[in-house]
Amino acid sequence: MDPKLIAKQMIVFNKTAFDNNFRAMQALQEQTEGLVNKFWDKSPMFPEEGKKVISDWMTAYKKGCKDFKRVMDDNFKKVEDFFEEKK
């Protein structure tokens, strides 16, 4: 079997595994966020400043995840392009 073909298949496998794991992590985060938001709405003891801090933190986390996903997709694309050029 051609080593280039094996490398391409490994890249596809790793990208698929990454995408599946990332989507699972994202779904878990969204469910947890929804649960925590419901808890905060019902909790009179949690101050508004604290709610704002946590909301800002979640926004930063989401942006970080989005940036991380974009970088990983770009890097997978670069590796795929590298093997395409070496025909």
Protein backbone atom coordinates (compact mmCIF):
# COMPACT_ATOMS: atom_id res chain seq x y z
CA MET A 1 0.00 0.00 0.00
CA ASP A 2 1.14 3.53 -0.78
CA PRO A 3 2.57 5.39 2.26
CA LYS A 4 0.93 8.63 1.10
CA LEU A 5 -2.46 6.93 1.05
CA ILE A 6 -1.87 5.57 4.54
CA ALA A 7 -0.92 9.05 5.77
CA LYS A 8 -4.04 10.56 4.19
CA GLN A 9 -6.23 7.93 5.82
CA MET A 10 -4.61 8.61 9.19
CA ILE A 11 -5.27 12.33 8.79
CA VAL A 12 -8.92 11.71 7.91
CA PHE A 13 -9.29 9.38 10.88
CA ASN A 14 -7.71 11.86 13.29
CA LYS A 15 -9.78 14.76 11.96
CA THR A 16 -12.98 12.75 12.32
CA ALA A 17 -12.04 11.71 15.86
CA PHE A 18 -11.24 15.31 16.76
CA ASP A 19 -14.49 16.63 15.27
CA ASN A 20 -16.58 14.00 17.08
CA ASN A 21 -14.89 14.65 20.41
CA PHE A 22 -15.16 18.41 19.98
CA ARG A 23 -18.89 18.18 19.22
CA ALA A 24 -19.43 15.96 22.27
CA MET A 25 -17.52 18.42 24.48
CA GLN A 26 -19.51 21.31 23.02
CA ALA A 27 -22.84 19.55 23.66
CA LEU A 28 -21.85 18.82 27.25
CA GLN A 29 -20.83 22.44 27.78
CA GLU A 30 -24.12 23.72 26.35
CA GLN A 31 -26.17 21.40 28.56
CA THR A 32 -24.17 22.40 31.64
CA GLU A 33 -24.53 26.06 30.79
CA GLY A 34 -28.30 25.71 30.46
CA LEU A 35 -28.52 23.92 33.80
CA VAL A 36 -26.36 26.51 35.56
CA ASN A 37 -28.36 29.38 34.03
CA LYS A 38 -31.60 27.85 35.35
CA PHE A 39 -30.03 27.52 38.78
CA TRP A 40 -28.88 31.17 38.78
CA ASP A 41 -32.29 32.42 37.72
CA LYS A 42 -33.86 30.67 40.72
CA SER A 43 -31.16 31.63 43.24
CA PRO A 44 -31.82 34.96 44.96
CA MET A 45 -28.58 34.72 46.94
CA PHE A 46 -26.27 34.91 43.93
CA PRO A 47 -25.41 38.60 43.28
CA GLU A 48 -25.83 40.19 39.85
CA GLU A 49 -22.10 41.03 39.72
CA GLY A 50 -21.31 37.34 40.15
CA LYS A 51 -23.75 36.42 37.39
CA LYS A 52 -22.08 38.96 35.09
CA VAL A 53 -18.60 37.60 35.85
CA ILE A 54 -19.68 34.03 35.14
CA SER A 55 -21.48 35.12 31.96
CA ASP A 56 -18.34 36.92 30.75
CA TRP A 57 -16.27 33.85 31.60
CA MET A 58 -18.60 31.61 29.57
CA THR A 59 -18.44 34.02 26.64
CA ALA A 60 -14.63 33.96 26.76
CA TYR A 61 -14.69 30.14 26.98
CA LYS A 62 -16.95 29.88 23.92
CA LYS A 63 -14.70 32.25 21.97
CA GLY A 64 -11.66 30.22 22.98
CA CYS A 65 -13.32 26.98 21.83
CA LYS A 66 -14.34 28.57 18.54
CA ASP A 67 -10.79 29.86 17.96
CA PHE A 68 -9.30 26.48 18.90
CA LYS A 69 -11.61 24.67 16.46
CA ARG A 70 -10.74 27.12 13.69
CA VAL A 71 -6.99 26.66 14.28
CA MET A 72 -7.32 22.86 14.31
CA ASP A 73 -9.37 22.88 11.10
CA ASP A 74 -6.79 25.14 9.45
CA ASN A 75 -3.94 22.86 10.52
CA PHE A 76 -5.72 19.72 9.33
CA LYS A 77 -6.27 21.48 5.99
CA LYS A 78 -2.57 22.39 5.78
CA VAL A 79 -1.53 18.79 6.39
CA GLU A 80 -4.05 17.53 3.83
CA ASP A 81 -2.76 20.06 1.29
CA PHE A 82 0.83 19.02 2.02
CA PHE A 83 0.09 15.42 1.09
CA GLU A 84 -1.91 16.48 -1.97
CA GLU A 85 1.09 18.45 -3.30
CA LYS A 86 3.46 15.47 -3.01
CA LYS A 87 1.81 13.36 -5.73
